[in-house]
Amino acid sequence: MEKNNLDLLREEIDAIDTELIELFKRRLGTAGRIAEYKKANGLPVADEKREMKVLEKIAEKAGAEYAEYAQELYRTMFRVCREYESRGM
């Protein structure tokens, strides 16, 4: 059976999702190490100043068309990573 354009595009999305999950797992692993450092040094989990700087950089990297969506993605990722860090602390 011949694949249509939609099937090919979905395969591309699936491949991208696989890469994203691997990167996300790496990010969570690093967040866990950060949690250990923060715990050892009596630092709070949340760092709002850093998050704001990251959101600014993300908007610049994403460009005007995607900035709002990229920032929303990162806000969600920050929340998930804070939760993950908190469980380790």
C-alpha atoms as a PDB file:
ATOM      1  CA  MET A   1       0.000   0.000   0.000  1.00  0.00           C
ATOM      2  CA  GLU A   2       1.383   3.360  -1.022  1.00  0.00           C
ATOM      3  CA  LYS A   3       1.845   5.963   1.683  1.00  0.00           C
ATOM      4  CA  ASN A   4       0.155   9.285   1.171  1.00  0.00           C
ATOM      5  CA  ASN A   5       1.537  12.664   2.146  1.00  0.00           C
ATOM      6  CA  LEU A   6      -0.331  12.624   5.474  1.00  0.00           C
ATOM      7  CA  ASP A   7       1.222   9.294   6.429  1.00  0.00           C
ATOM      8  CA  LEU A   8       4.680  10.573   5.537  1.00  0.00           C
ATOM      9  CA  LEU A   9       4.167  13.747   7.540  1.00  0.00           C
ATOM     10  CA  ARG A  10       2.960  11.738  10.524  1.00  0.00           C
ATOM     11  CA  GLU A  11       6.051   9.549  10.302  1.00  0.00           C
ATOM     12  CA  GLU A  12       8.146  12.706  10.360  1.00  0.00           C
ATOM     13  CA  ILE A  13       6.272  13.908  13.473  1.00  0.00           C
ATOM     14  CA  ASP A  14       6.833  10.507  15.113  1.00  0.00           C
ATOM     15  CA  ALA A  15      10.572  10.735  14.437  1.00  0.00           C
ATOM     16  CA  ILE A  16      10.703  14.256  15.859  1.00  0.00           C
ATOM     17  CA  ASP A  17       8.763  13.103  18.927  1.00  0.00           C
ATOM     18  CA  THR A  18      11.320  10.346  19.501  1.00  0.00           C
ATOM     19  CA  GLU A  19      14.116  12.925  19.463  1.00  0.00           C
ATOM     20  CA  LEU A  20      12.175  15.266  21.744  1.00  0.00           C
ATOM     21  CA  ILE A  21      11.556  12.537  24.315  1.00  0.00           C
ATOM     22  CA  GLU A  22      15.257  11.648  24.414  1.00  0.00           C
ATOM     23  CA  LEU A  23      16.163  15.320  24.897  1.00  0.00           C
ATOM     24  CA  PHE A  24      13.481  15.704  27.564  1.00  0.00           C
ATOM     25  CA  LYS A  25      14.819  12.694  29.451  1.00  0.00           C
ATOM     26  CA  ARG A  26      18.290  14.254  29.356  1.00  0.00           C
ATOM     27  CA  ARG A  27      16.829  17.536  30.605  1.00  0.00           C
ATOM     28  CA  LEU A  28      15.059  15.824  33.500  1.00  0.00           C
ATOM     29  CA  GLY A  29      18.238  13.967  34.402  1.00  0.00           C
ATOM     30  CA  THR A  30      20.105  17.260  34.530  1.00  0.00           C
ATOM     31  CA  ALA A  31      17.254  18.800  36.534  1.00  0.00           C
ATOM     32  CA  GLY A  32      17.690  15.955  39.016  1.00  0.00           C
ATOM     33  CA  ARG A  33      21.376  16.768  39.389  1.00  0.00           C
ATOM     34  CA  ILE A  34      20.485  20.434  39.857  1.00  0.00           C
ATOM     35  CA  ALA A  35      18.025  19.405  42.577  1.00  0.00           C
ATOM     36  CA  GLU A  36      20.795  17.536  44.361  1.00  0.00           C
ATOM     37  CA  TYR A  37      23.050  20.583  44.161  1.00  0.00           C
ATOM     38  CA  LYS A  38      20.309  22.903  45.404  1.00  0.00           C
ATOM     39  CA  LYS A  39      19.502  20.585  48.294  1.00  0.00           C
ATOM     40  CA  ALA A  40      23.148  20.302  49.275  1.00  0.00           C
ATOM     41  CA  ASN A  41      23.541  24.082  49.180  1.00  0.00           C
ATOM     42  CA  GLY A  42      20.203  25.085  50.723  1.00  0.00           C
ATOM     43  CA  LEU A  43      18.904  26.746  47.556  1.00  0.00           C
ATOM     44  CA  PRO A  44      15.228  27.026  46.555  1.00  0.00           C
ATOM     45  CA  VAL A  45      13.888  24.863  43.723  1.00  0.00           C
ATOM     46  CA  ALA A  46      12.425  27.765  41.719  1.00  0.00           C
ATOM     47  CA  ASP A  47      14.640  30.410  40.123  1.00  0.00           C
ATOM     48  CA  GLU A  48      12.227  32.894  38.543  1.00  0.00           C
ATOM     49  CA  LYS A  49      14.976  35.250  37.314  1.00  0.00           C
ATOM     50  CA  ARG A  50      16.653  32.455  35.392  1.00  0.00           C
ATOM     51  CA  GLU A  51      13.351  31.286  33.956  1.00  0.00           C
ATOM     52  CA  MET A  52      12.561  34.794  32.703  1.00  0.00           C
ATOM     53  CA  LYS A  53      15.972  35.021  31.004  1.00  0.00           C
ATOM     54  CA  VAL A  54      15.470  31.623  29.397  1.00  0.00           C
ATOM     55  CA  LEU A  55      12.007  32.647  28.139  1.00  0.00           C
ATOM     56  CA  GLU A  56      13.485  35.771  26.563  1.00  0.00           C
ATOM     57  CA  LYS A  57      16.179  33.725  24.820  1.00  0.00           C
ATOM     58  CA  ILE A  58      13.619  31.174  23.659  1.00  0.00           C
ATOM     59  CA  ALA A  59      11.461  33.901  22.124  1.00  0.00           C
ATOM     60  CA  GLU A  60      14.470  35.261  20.248  1.00  0.00           C
ATOM     61  CA  LYS A  61      15.507  31.824  19.006  1.00  0.00           C
ATOM     62  CA  ALA A  62      11.967  30.871  17.981  1.00  0.00           C
ATOM     63  CA  GLY A  63      11.296  34.069  16.074  1.00  0.00           C
ATOM     64  CA  ALA A  64       8.137  36.137  16.019  1.00  0.00           C
ATOM     65  CA  GLU A  65       5.946  33.467  14.437  1.00  0.00           C
ATOM     66  CA  TYR A  66       6.694  30.819  17.079  1.00  0.00           C
ATOM     67  CA  ALA A  67       7.810  32.823  20.146  1.00  0.00           C
ATOM     68  CA  GLU A  68       4.510  32.669  22.026  1.00  0.00           C
ATOM     69  CA  TYR A  69       4.195  28.911  21.510  1.00  0.00           C
ATOM     70  CA  ALA A  70       7.811  28.197  22.370  1.00  0.00           C
ATOM     71  CA  GLN A  71       7.487  30.194  25.580  1.00  0.00           C
ATOM     72  CA  GLU A  72       4.350  28.281  26.540  1.00  0.00           C
ATOM     73  CA  LEU A  73       6.176  25.011  25.922  1.00  0.00           C
ATOM     74  CA  TYR A  74       9.010  26.145  28.177  1.00  0.00           C
ATOM     75  CA  ARG A  75       6.673  27.380  30.909  1.00  0.00           C
ATOM     76  CA  THR A  76       5.183  23.899  30.987  1.00  0.00           C
ATOM     77  CA  MET A  77       8.629  22.314  30.948  1.00  0.00           C
ATOM     78  CA  PHE A  78       9.751  24.538  33.846  1.00  0.00           C
ATOM     79  CA  ARG A  79       6.712  23.458  35.856  1.00  0.00           C
ATOM     80  CA  VAL A  80       7.351  19.772  35.144  1.00  0.00           C
ATOM     81  CA  CYS A  81      11.059  20.075  35.933  1.00  0.00           C
ATOM     82  CA  ARG A  82      10.350  21.923  39.208  1.00  0.00           C
ATOM     83  CA  GLU A  83       7.965  19.137  40.173  1.00  0.00           C
ATOM     84  CA  TYR A  84      10.574  16.554  39.266  1.00  0.00           C
ATOM     85  CA  GLU A  85      13.254  18.437  41.230  1.00  0.00           C
ATOM     86  CA  SER A  86      10.918  18.749  44.237  1.00  0.00           C
ATOM     87  CA  ARG A  87      10.366  15.004  44.356  1.00  0.00           C
ATOM     88  CA  GLY A  88      14.110  14.501  44.511  1.00  0.00           C
ATOM     89  CA  MET A  89      14.536  16.997  47.326  1.00  0.00           C
END
